[in-house]
Amino acid sequence: QAYPSLNANWLITGVGYTTTITEDKQRQDSKKLSRVVVFYNDQSF
């Protein structure tokens, strides 16, 4: 009730995945945009 984002299945059985704000922030901090690819309808990019 206090932490609805906690995956009860993961906590009890270990099956599934839990994510926390801390883990999300670490993933975001470690990812840097290196390139963007745009695809067009005529198959060009």
All heavy atoms as atom14 arrays in JSON, in Angstrom:
{
  "sequence": "QAYPSLNANWLITGVGYTTTITEDKQRQDSKKLSRVVVFYNDQSF",
  "atom14_mask": [
    [1, 1, 1, 1, 1, 1, 1, 1, 1, 0, 0, 0, 0, 0],
    [1, 1, 1, 1, 1, 0, 0, 0, 0, 0, 0, 0, 0, 0],
    [1, 1, 1, 1, 1, 1, 1, 1, 1, 1, 1, 1, 0, 0],
    [1, 1, 1, 1, 1, 1, 1, 0, 0, 0, 0, 0, 0, 0],
    [1, 1, 1, 1, 1, 1, 0, 0, 0, 0, 0, 0, 0, 0],
    [1, 1, 1, 1, 1, 1, 1, 1, 0, 0, 0, 0, 0, 0],
    [1, 1, 1, 1, 1, 1, 1, 1, 0, 0, 0, 0, 0, 0],
    [1, 1, 1, 1, 1, 0, 0, 0, 0, 0, 0, 0, 0, 0],
    [1, 1, 1, 1, 1, 1, 1, 1, 0, 0, 0, 0, 0, 0],
    [1, 1, 1, 1, 1, 1, 1, 1, 1, 1, 1, 1, 1, 1],
    [1, 1, 1, 1, 1, 1, 1, 1, 0, 0, 0, 0, 0, 0],
    [1, 1, 1, 1, 1, 1, 1, 1, 0, 0, 0, 0, 0, 0],
    [1, 1, 1, 1, 1, 1, 1, 0, 0, 0, 0, 0, 0, 0],
    [1, 1, 1, 1, 0, 0, 0, 0, 0, 0, 0, 0, 0, 0],
    [1, 1, 1, 1, 1, 1, 1, 0, 0, 0, 0, 0, 0, 0],
    [1, 1, 1, 1, 0, 0, 0, 0, 0, 0, 0, 0, 0, 0],
    [1, 1, 1, 1, 1, 1, 1, 1, 1, 1, 1, 1, 0, 0],
    [1, 1, 1, 1, 1, 1, 1, 0, 0, 0, 0, 0, 0, 0],
    [1, 1, 1, 1, 1, 1, 1, 0, 0, 0, 0, 0, 0, 0],
    [1, 1, 1, 1, 1, 1, 1, 0, 0, 0, 0, 0, 0, 0],
    [1, 1, 1, 1, 1, 1, 1, 1, 0, 0, 0, 0, 0, 0],
    [1, 1, 1, 1, 1, 1, 1, 0, 0, 0, 0, 0, 0, 0],
    [1, 1, 1, 1, 1, 1, 1, 1, 1, 0, 0, 0, 0, 0],
    [1, 1, 1, 1, 1, 1, 1, 1, 0, 0, 0, 0, 0, 0],
    [1, 1, 1, 1, 1, 1, 1, 1, 1, 0, 0, 0, 0, 0],
    [1, 1, 1, 1, 1, 1, 1, 1, 1, 0, 0, 0, 0, 0],
    [1, 1, 1, 1, 1, 1, 1, 1, 1, 1, 1, 0, 0, 0],
    [1, 1, 1, 1, 1, 1, 1, 1, 1, 0, 0, 0, 0, 0],
    [1, 1, 1, 1, 1, 1, 1, 1, 0, 0, 0, 0, 0, 0],
    [1, 1, 1, 1, 1, 1, 0, 0, 0, 0, 0, 0, 0, 0],
    [1, 1, 1, 1, 1, 1, 1, 1, 1, 0, 0, 0, 0, 0],
    [1, 1, 1, 1, 1, 1, 1, 1, 1, 0, 0, 0, 0, 0],
    [1, 1, 1, 1, 1, 1, 1, 1, 0, 0, 0, 0, 0, 0],
    [1, 1, 1, 1, 1, 1, 0, 0, 0, 0, 0, 0, 0, 0],
    [1, 1, 1, 1, 1, 1, 1, 1, 1, 1, 1, 0, 0, 0],
    [1, 1, 1, 1, 1, 1, 1, 0, 0, 0, 0, 0, 0, 0],
    [1, 1, 1, 1, 1, 1, 1, 0, 0, 0, 0, 0, 0, 0],
    [1, 1, 1, 1, 1, 1, 1, 0, 0, 0, 0, 0, 0, 0],
    [1, 1, 1, 1, 1, 1, 1, 1, 1, 1, 1, 0, 0, 0],
    [1, 1, 1, 1, 1, 1, 1, 1, 1, 1, 1, 1, 0, 0],
    [1, 1, 1, 1, 1, 1, 1, 1, 0, 0, 0, 0, 0, 0],
    [1, 1, 1, 1, 1, 1, 1, 1, 0, 0, 0, 0, 0, 0],
    [1, 1, 1, 1, 1, 1, 1, 1, 1, 0, 0, 0, 0, 0],
    [1, 1, 1, 1, 1, 1, 0, 0, 0, 0, 0, 0, 0, 0],
    [1, 1, 1, 1, 1, 1, 1, 1, 1, 1, 1, 0, 0, 0]
  ],
  "atom14_positions": [
    [[0.84, -1.2, 0.0], [0.0, 0.0, 0.0], [0.88, 1.25, 0.0], [0.59, 2.23, -0.68], [-0.95, 0.01, 1.21], [-2.03, -1.03, 1.15], [-3.0, -0.81, 0.02], [-3.38, 0.31, -0.31], [-3.42, -1.9, -0.61], [0.0, 0.0, 0.0], [0.0, 0.0, 0.0], [0.0, 0.0, 0.0], [0.0, 0.0, 0.0], [0.0, 0.0, 0.0]],
    [[1.95, 1.21, 0.78], [2.83, 2.37, 0.89], [3.75, 2.52, -0.33], [4.13, 3.63, -0.69], [3.68, 2.27, 2.16], [0.0, 0.0, 0.0], [0.0, 0.0, 0.0], [0.0, 0.0, 0.0], [0.0, 0.0, 0.0], [0.0, 0.0, 0.0], [0.0, 0.0, 0.0], [0.0, 0.0, 0.0], [0.0, 0.0, 0.0], [0.0, 0.0, 0.0]],
    [[4.09, 1.41, -0.95], [5.01, 1.41, -2.1], [4.4, 0.6, -3.24], [4.82, -0.53, -3.52], [6.37, 0.84, -1.7], [7.07, 1.64, -0.64], [7.0, 1.28, 0.7], [7.81, 2.77, -0.98], [7.64, 2.03, 1.68], [8.45, 3.52, -0.01], [8.35, 3.14, 1.32], [8.99, 3.89, 2.28], [0.0, 0.0, 0.0], [0.0, 0.0, 0.0]],
    [[3.41, 1.17, -3.92], [2.72, 0.41, -4.97], [3.6, 0.05, -6.17], [3.27, -0.86, -6.92], [1.56, 1.33, -5.39], [1.94, 2.68, -4.91], [2.84, 2.49, -3.73], [0.0, 0.0, 0.0], [0.0, 0.0, 0.0], [0.0, 0.0, 0.0], [0.0, 0.0, 0.0], [0.0, 0.0, 0.0], [0.0, 0.0, 0.0], [0.0, 0.0, 0.0]],
    [[4.72, 0.73, -6.35], [5.59, 0.41, -7.49], [6.45, -0.82, -7.22], [7.07, -1.36, -8.13], [6.48, 1.6, -7.83], [7.36, 1.88, -6.76], [0.0, 0.0, 0.0], [0.0, 0.0, 0.0], [0.0, 0.0, 0.0], [0.0, 0.0, 0.0], [0.0, 0.0, 0.0], [0.0, 0.0, 0.0], [0.0, 0.0, 0.0], [0.0, 0.0, 0.0]],
    [[6.49, -1.29, -5.99], [7.25, -2.49, -5.65], [6.53, -3.7, -6.22], [5.34, -3.9, -5.97], [7.41, -2.62, -4.13], [8.11, -3.86, -3.62], [9.53, -3.98, -4.17], [8.13, -3.86, -2.1], [0.0, 0.0, 0.0], [0.0, 0.0, 0.0], [0.0, 0.0, 0.0], [0.0, 0.0, 0.0], [0.0, 0.0, 0.0], [0.0, 0.0, 0.0]],
    [[7.23, -4.52, -6.97], [6.66, -5.71, -7.58], [6.56, -6.81, -6.52], [7.57, -7.38, -6.11], [7.56, -6.15, -8.76], [7.02, -7.35, -9.5], [6.29, -8.16, -8.96], [7.42, -7.46, -10.75], [0.0, 0.0, 0.0], [0.0, 0.0, 0.0], [0.0, 0.0, 0.0], [0.0, 0.0, 0.0], [0.0, 0.0, 0.0], [0.0, 0.0, 0.0]],
    [[5.33, -7.11, -6.08], [5.12, -8.1, -5.02], [5.59, -9.48, -5.46], [6.14, -10.24, -4.66], [3.64, -8.14, -4.64], [0.0, 0.0, 0.0], [0.0, 0.0, 0.0], [0.0, 0.0, 0.0], [0.0, 0.0, 0.0], [0.0, 0.0, 0.0], [0.0, 0.0, 0.0], [0.0, 0.0, 0.0], [0.0, 0.0, 0.0], [0.0, 0.0, 0.0]],
    [[5.38, -9.82, -6.72], [5.81, -11.12, -7.22], [7.32, -11.26, -7.12], [7.84, -12.29, -6.69], [5.34, -11.31, -8.66], [5.46, -12.74, -9.12], [5.17, -13.67, -8.37], [5.88, -12.93, -10.35], [0.0, 0.0, 0.0], [0.0, 0.0, 0.0], [0.0, 0.0, 0.0], [0.0, 0.0, 0.0], [0.0, 0.0, 0.0], [0.0, 0.0, 0.0]],
    [[8.05, -10.21, -7.48], [9.5, -10.23, -7.36], [9.92, -10.36, -5.89], [10.79, -11.16, -5.56], [10.12, -8.96, -7.94], [11.57, -8.84, -7.64], [12.6, -9.46, -8.29], [12.17, -8.09, -6.57], [13.8, -9.13, -7.7], [13.56, -8.29, -6.64], [11.66, -7.25, -5.58], [14.45, -7.69, -5.75], [12.55, -6.66, -4.69], [13.92, -6.89, -4.79]],
    [[9.29, -9.6, -5.02], [9.65, -9.62, -3.61], [9.46, -11.01, -3.0], [10.33, -11.53, -2.31], [8.83, -8.6, -2.82], [9.1, -8.54, -1.32], [10.52, -8.08, -1.05], [8.1, -7.63, -0.64], [0.0, 0.0, 0.0], [0.0, 0.0, 0.0], [0.0, 0.0, 0.0], [0.0, 0.0, 0.0], [0.0, 0.0, 0.0], [0.0, 0.0, 0.0]],
    [[8.34, -11.63, -3.3], [8.0, -12.91, -2.67], [8.68, -14.09, -3.35], [9.21, -14.98, -2.68], [6.47, -13.09, -2.63], [5.85, -11.99, -1.74], [6.09, -14.47, -2.13], [4.36, -11.86, -1.86], [0.0, 0.0, 0.0], [0.0, 0.0, 0.0], [0.0, 0.0, 0.0], [0.0, 0.0, 0.0], [0.0, 0.0, 0.0], [0.0, 0.0, 0.0]],
    [[8.68, -14.12, -4.68], [9.19, -15.3, -5.39], [10.51, -15.07, -6.11], [11.16, -16.04, -6.49], [8.17, -15.76, -6.45], [8.09, -14.77, -7.48], [6.8, -16.02, -5.85], [0.0, 0.0, 0.0], [0.0, 0.0, 0.0], [0.0, 0.0, 0.0], [0.0, 0.0, 0.0], [0.0, 0.0, 0.0], [0.0, 0.0, 0.0], [0.0, 0.0, 0.0]],
    [[10.85, -13.82, -6.35], [12.06, -13.54, -7.12], [11.8, -13.52, -8.61], [12.69, -13.24, -9.4], [0.0, 0.0, 0.0], [0.0, 0.0, 0.0], [0.0, 0.0, 0.0], [0.0, 0.0, 0.0], [0.0, 0.0, 0.0], [0.0, 0.0, 0.0], [0.0, 0.0, 0.0], [0.0, 0.0, 0.0], [0.0, 0.0, 0.0], [0.0, 0.0, 0.0]],
    [[10.56, -13.81, -9.01], [10.18, -13.81, -10.42], [9.67, -12.44, -10.78], [8.89, -11.84, -10.06], [9.1, -14.88, -10.7], [8.64, -14.82, -12.15], [9.62, -16.26, -10.36], [0.0, 0.0, 0.0], [0.0, 0.0, 0.0], [0.0, 0.0, 0.0], [0.0, 0.0, 0.0], [0.0, 0.0, 0.0], [0.0, 0.0, 0.0], [0.0, 0.0, 0.0]],
    [[10.11, -11.96, -11.91], [9.72, -10.62, -12.34], [10.86, -9.67, -12.13], [11.99, -10.06, -11.86], [0.0, 0.0, 0.0], [0.0, 0.0, 0.0], [0.0, 0.0, 0.0], [0.0, 0.0, 0.0], [0.0, 0.0, 0.0], [0.0, 0.0, 0.0], [0.0, 0.0, 0.0], [0.0, 0.0, 0.0], [0.0, 0.0, 0.0], [0.0, 0.0, 0.0]],
    [[10.54, -8.45, -12.22], [11.58, -7.44, -12.13], [11.11, -6.3, -11.26], [9.94, -5.95, -11.25], [11.92, -6.92, -13.52], [13.01, -5.88, -13.51], [14.32, -6.25, -13.27], [12.72, -4.55, -13.71], [15.33, -5.31, -13.25], [13.72, -3.6, -13.7], [15.03, -3.99, -13.46], [16.02, -3.05, -13.43], [0.0, 0.0, 0.0], [0.0, 0.0, 0.0]],
    [[12.01, -5.75, -10.53], [11.71, -4.54, -9.78], [12.62, -3.43, -10.28], [13.75, -3.67, -10.65], [11.9, -4.73, -8.26], [11.44, -3.55, -7.61], [13.33, -4.96, -7.88], [0.0, 0.0, 0.0], [0.0, 0.0, 0.0], [0.0, 0.0, 0.0], [0.0, 0.0, 0.0], [0.0, 0.0, 0.0], [0.0, 0.0, 0.0], [0.0, 0.0, 0.0]],
    [[12.1, -2.27, -10.31], [12.9, -1.12, -10.69], [12.69, -0.05, -9.65], [11.63, 0.06, -9.06], [12.56, -0.6, -12.09], [13.45, 0.45, -12.43], [11.15, -0.09, -12.2], [0.0, 0.0, 0.0], [0.0, 0.0, 0.0], [0.0, 0.0, 0.0], [0.0, 0.0, 0.0], [0.0, 0.0, 0.0], [0.0, 0.0, 0.0], [0.0, 0.0, 0.0]],
    [[13.7, 0.69, -9.42], [13.59, 1.77, -8.46], [13.99, 3.07, -9.14], [14.61, 3.06, -10.2], [14.51, 1.55, -7.26], [15.86, 1.58, -7.71], [14.22, 0.25, -6.56], [0.0, 0.0, 0.0], [0.0, 0.0, 0.0], [0.0, 0.0, 0.0], [0.0, 0.0, 0.0], [0.0, 0.0, 0.0], [0.0, 0.0, 0.0], [0.0, 0.0, 0.0]],
    [[13.64, 4.15, -8.53], [14.03, 5.45, -9.06], [15.54, 5.54, -9.16], [16.09, 6.04, -10.13], [13.45, 6.57, -8.17], [11.92, 6.56, -8.27], [14.01, 7.93, -8.56], [11.23, 7.43, -7.25], [0.0, 0.0, 0.0], [0.0, 0.0, 0.0], [0.0, 0.0, 0.0], [0.0, 0.0, 0.0], [0.0, 0.0, 0.0], [0.0, 0.0, 0.0]],
    [[16.23, 5.01, -8.16], [17.7, 5.05, -8.17], [18.26, 4.31, -9.37], [19.14, 4.81, -10.06], [18.25, 4.43, -6.87], [17.69, 5.12, -5.76], [19.76, 4.51, -6.81], [0.0, 0.0, 0.0], [0.0, 0.0, 0.0], [0.0, 0.0, 0.0], [0.0, 0.0, 0.0], [0.0, 0.0, 0.0], [0.0, 0.0, 0.0], [0.0, 0.0, 0.0]],
    [[17.73, 3.11, -9.64], [18.21, 2.33, -10.79], [17.89, 3.04, -12.09], [18.7, 3.07, -13.0], [17.6, 0.94, -10.78], [18.14, 0.05, -9.68], [17.38, -1.25, -9.54], [16.26, -1.36, -10.08], [17.9, -2.16, -8.88], [0.0, 0.0, 0.0], [0.0, 0.0, 0.0], [0.0, 0.0, 0.0], [0.0, 0.0, 0.0], [0.0, 0.0, 0.0]],
    [[16.69, 3.62, -12.19], [16.32, 4.35, -13.41], [17.26, 5.52, -13.64], [17.7, 5.77, -14.75], [14.88, 4.88, -13.31], [13.84, 3.8, -13.5], [14.2, 2.71, -13.99], [12.67, 4.05, -13.16], [0.0, 0.0, 0.0], [0.0, 0.0, 0.0], [0.0, 0.0, 0.0], [0.0, 0.0, 0.0], [0.0, 0.0, 0.0], [0.0, 0.0, 0.0]],
    [[17.57, 6.27, -12.59], [18.45, 7.42, -12.72], [19.85, 6.97, -13.14], [20.46, 7.6, -13.99], [18.52, 8.19, -11.4], [19.49, 9.36, -11.45], [18.96, 10.55, -10.74], [19.91, 11.71, -10.72], [20.42, 12.12, -12.0], [0.0, 0.0, 0.0], [0.0, 0.0, 0.0], [0.0, 0.0, 0.0], [0.0, 0.0, 0.0], [0.0, 0.0, 0.0]],
    [[20.34, 5.89, -12.56], [21.66, 5.39, -12.94], [21.69, 5.0, -14.41], [22.66, 5.27, -15.11], [22.06, 4.19, -12.07], [22.4, 4.58, -10.65], [22.6, 3.38, -9.76], [22.24, 2.25, -10.09], [23.18, 3.62, -8.6], [0.0, 0.0, 0.0], [0.0, 0.0, 0.0], [0.0, 0.0, 0.0], [0.0, 0.0, 0.0], [0.0, 0.0, 0.0]],
    [[20.62, 4.34, -14.88], [20.57, 3.96, -16.3], [20.54, 5.2, -17.18], [21.2, 5.26, -18.2], [19.35, 3.08, -16.56], [19.58, 1.62, -16.27], [18.51, 0.77, -16.9], [17.21, 1.0, -16.31], [16.75, 0.37, -15.24], [17.47, -0.52, -14.64], [15.55, 0.64, -14.77], [0.0, 0.0, 0.0], [0.0, 0.0, 0.0], [0.0, 0.0, 0.0]],
    [[19.76, 6.2, -16.81], [19.68, 7.42, -17.6], [21.01, 8.15, -17.63], [21.43, 8.67, -18.66], [18.59, 8.35, -17.05], [17.19, 7.85, -17.29], [16.15, 8.68, -16.57], [16.47, 9.62, -15.87], [14.9, 8.31, -16.74], [0.0, 0.0, 0.0], [0.0, 0.0, 0.0], [0.0, 0.0, 0.0], [0.0, 0.0, 0.0], [0.0, 0.0, 0.0]],
    [[21.69, 8.2, -16.48], [22.98, 8.89, -16.41], [24.04, 8.19, -17.24], [24.95, 8.83, -17.75], [23.46, 9.0, -14.96], [22.63, 9.97, -14.15], [21.86, 10.76, -14.76], [22.74, 9.94, -12.91], [0.0, 0.0, 0.0], [0.0, 0.0, 0.0], [0.0, 0.0, 0.0], [0.0, 0.0, 0.0], [0.0, 0.0, 0.0], [0.0, 0.0, 0.0]],
    [[23.94, 6.87, -17.37], [24.96, 6.12, -18.09], [24.7, 6.09, -19.6], [25.57, 5.73, -20.36], [25.06, 4.69, -17.56], [23.89, 3.97, -17.88], [0.0, 0.0, 0.0], [0.0, 0.0, 0.0], [0.0, 0.0, 0.0], [0.0, 0.0, 0.0], [0.0, 0.0, 0.0], [0.0, 0.0, 0.0], [0.0, 0.0, 0.0], [0.0, 0.0, 0.0]],
    [[23.5, 6.46, -20.02], [23.17, 6.45, -21.45], [23.33, 7.84, -22.03], [22.81, 8.81, -21.51], [21.74, 5.97, -21.67], [21.54, 4.52, -21.38], [20.13, 4.11, -21.72], [19.93, 2.63, -21.48], [18.59, 2.22, -21.86], [0.0, 0.0, 0.0], [0.0, 0.0, 0.0], [0.0, 0.0, 0.0], [0.0, 0.0, 0.0], [0.0, 0.0, 0.0]],
    [[24.07, 7.91, -23.11], [24.25, 9.17, -23.82], [23.81, 8.97, -25.27], [24.09, 7.94, -25.87], [25.73, 9.61, -23.8], [26.3, 9.75, -22.4], [25.69, 10.91, -21.67], [26.33, 11.04, -20.29], [25.52, 11.64, -19.33], [0.0, 0.0, 0.0], [0.0, 0.0, 0.0], [0.0, 0.0, 0.0], [0.0, 0.0, 0.0], [0.0, 0.0, 0.0]],
    [[23.15, 9.95, -25.83], [22.7, 9.89, -27.21], [23.89, 10.08, -28.13], [24.65, 11.03, -28.0], [21.66, 11.0, -27.46], [21.01, 11.0, -28.82], [20.2, 9.74, -29.05], [20.11, 12.22, -28.96], [0.0, 0.0, 0.0], [0.0, 0.0, 0.0], [0.0, 0.0, 0.0], [0.0, 0.0, 0.0], [0.0, 0.0, 0.0], [0.0, 0.0, 0.0]],
    [[24.1, 9.13, -29.04], [25.24, 9.23, -29.94], [24.83, 9.53, -31.38], [25.58, 10.13, -32.13], [26.07, 7.94, -29.91], [25.29, 6.86, -30.38], [0.0, 0.0, 0.0], [0.0, 0.0, 0.0], [0.0, 0.0, 0.0], [0.0, 0.0, 0.0], [0.0, 0.0, 0.0], [0.0, 0.0, 0.0], [0.0, 0.0, 0.0], [0.0, 0.0, 0.0]],
    [[23.61, 9.09, -31.75], [23.15, 9.38, -33.11], [21.64, 9.17, -33.19], [21.05, 8.48, -32.37], [23.85, 8.51, -34.14], [23.52, 7.06, -34.0], [24.29, 6.23, -35.0], [24.02, 4.83, -34.74], [24.32, 3.87, -35.54], [24.93, 4.12, -36.68], [24.05, 2.63, -35.24], [0.0, 0.0, 0.0], [0.0, 0.0, 0.0], [0.0, 0.0, 0.0]],
    [[21.05, 9.78, -34.21], [19.63, 9.64, -34.48], [19.49, 9.25, -35.94], [20.12, 9.86, -36.81], [18.86, 10.96, -34.21], [17.4, 10.82, -34.62], [18.99, 11.36, -32.76], [0.0, 0.0, 0.0], [0.0, 0.0, 0.0], [0.0, 0.0, 0.0], [0.0, 0.0, 0.0], [0.0, 0.0, 0.0], [0.0, 0.0, 0.0], [0.0, 0.0, 0.0]],
    [[18.68, 8.24, -36.21], [18.45, 7.81, -37.58], [16.98, 8.04, -37.89], [16.1, 7.59, -37.15], [18.82, 6.32, -37.79], [18.54, 5.89, -39.22], [20.27, 6.07, -37.4], [0.0, 0.0, 0.0], [0.0, 0.0, 0.0], [0.0, 0.0, 0.0], [0.0, 0.0, 0.0], [0.0, 0.0, 0.0], [0.0, 0.0, 0.0], [0.0, 0.0, 0.0]],
    [[16.7, 8.75, -38.98], [15.34, 9.03, -39.41], [15.08, 8.25, -40.69], [15.82, 8.38, -41.67], [15.13, 10.55, -39.68], [13.72, 10.82, -40.15], [15.47, 11.36, -38.43], [0.0, 0.0, 0.0], [0.0, 0.0, 0.0], [0.0, 0.0, 0.0], [0.0, 0.0, 0.0], [0.0, 0.0, 0.0], [0.0, 0.0, 0.0], [0.0, 0.0, 0.0]],
    [[14.02, 7.42, -40.68], [13.66, 6.64, -41.86], [12.46, 7.28, -42.54], [11.49, 7.65, -41.88], [13.32, 5.2, -41.46], [14.5, 4.43, -40.93], [14.77, 4.38, -39.57], [15.33, 3.76, -41.8], [15.86, 3.69, -39.09], [16.43, 3.05, -41.33], [16.69, 3.01, -39.97], [0.0, 0.0, 0.0], [0.0, 0.0, 0.0], [0.0, 0.0, 0.0]],
    [[12.52, 7.37, -43.87], [11.45, 7.97, -44.66], [10.67, 6.89, -45.4], [11.16, 5.76, -45.57], [12.03, 8.97, -45.66], [12.72, 10.15, -44.98], [14.11, 10.2, -44.86], [11.98, 11.18, -44.43], [14.74, 11.26, -44.23], [12.6, 12.26, -43.8], [13.98, 12.28, -43.7], [14.59, 13.33, -43.07], [0.0, 0.0, 0.0], [0.0, 0.0, 0.0]],
    [[9.45, 7.26, -45.85], [8.59, 6.32, -46.57], [9.21, 5.81, -47.86], [8.88, 4.71, -48.3], [7.23, 6.97, -46.89], [6.4, 7.16, -45.63], [6.63, 6.51, -44.62], [5.44, 8.07, -45.71], [0.0, 0.0, 0.0], [0.0, 0.0, 0.0], [0.0, 0.0, 0.0], [0.0, 0.0, 0.0], [0.0, 0.0, 0.0], [0.0, 0.0, 0.0]],
    [[10.09, 6.58, -48.48], [10.7, 6.15, -49.74], [11.91, 5.24, -49.52], [12.71, 5.03, -50.41], [11.1, 7.37, -50.59], [12.2, 8.19, -49.96], [12.64, 7.87, -48.84], [12.61, 9.18, -50.6], [0.0, 0.0, 0.0], [0.0, 0.0, 0.0], [0.0, 0.0, 0.0], [0.0, 0.0, 0.0], [0.0, 0.0, 0.0], [0.0, 0.0, 0.0]],
    [[12.04, 4.69, -48.32], [13.11, 3.78, -47.94], [14.47, 4.46, -47.74], [15.47, 3.79, -47.54], [13.25, 2.61, -48.94], [11.97, 1.81, -49.17], [11.39, 1.22, -47.89], [12.11, 0.73, -47.05], [10.09, 1.28, -47.74], [0.0, 0.0, 0.0], [0.0, 0.0, 0.0], [0.0, 0.0, 0.0], [0.0, 0.0, 0.0], [0.0, 0.0, 0.0]],
    [[14.54, 5.76, -47.82], [15.79, 6.48, -47.57], [15.85, 6.82, -46.09], [14.87, 6.69, -45.36], [15.89, 7.74, -48.43], [14.88, 8.65, -48.06], [0.0, 0.0, 0.0], [0.0, 0.0, 0.0], [0.0, 0.0, 0.0], [0.0, 0.0, 0.0], [0.0, 0.0, 0.0], [0.0, 0.0, 0.0], [0.0, 0.0, 0.0], [0.0, 0.0, 0.0]],
    [[17.02, 7.26, -45.66], [17.17, 7.63, -44.26], [18.27, 8.66, -44.12], [19.09, 8.87, -45.02], [17.5, 6.41, -43.39], [18.83, 5.78, -43.68], [19.95, 6.16, -42.98], [18.96, 4.8, -44.65], [21.19, 5.59, -43.23], [20.18, 4.22, -44.92], [21.31, 4.61, -44.21], [0.0, 0.0, 0.0], [0.0, 0.0, 0.0], [0.0, 0.0, 0.0]]
  ]
}
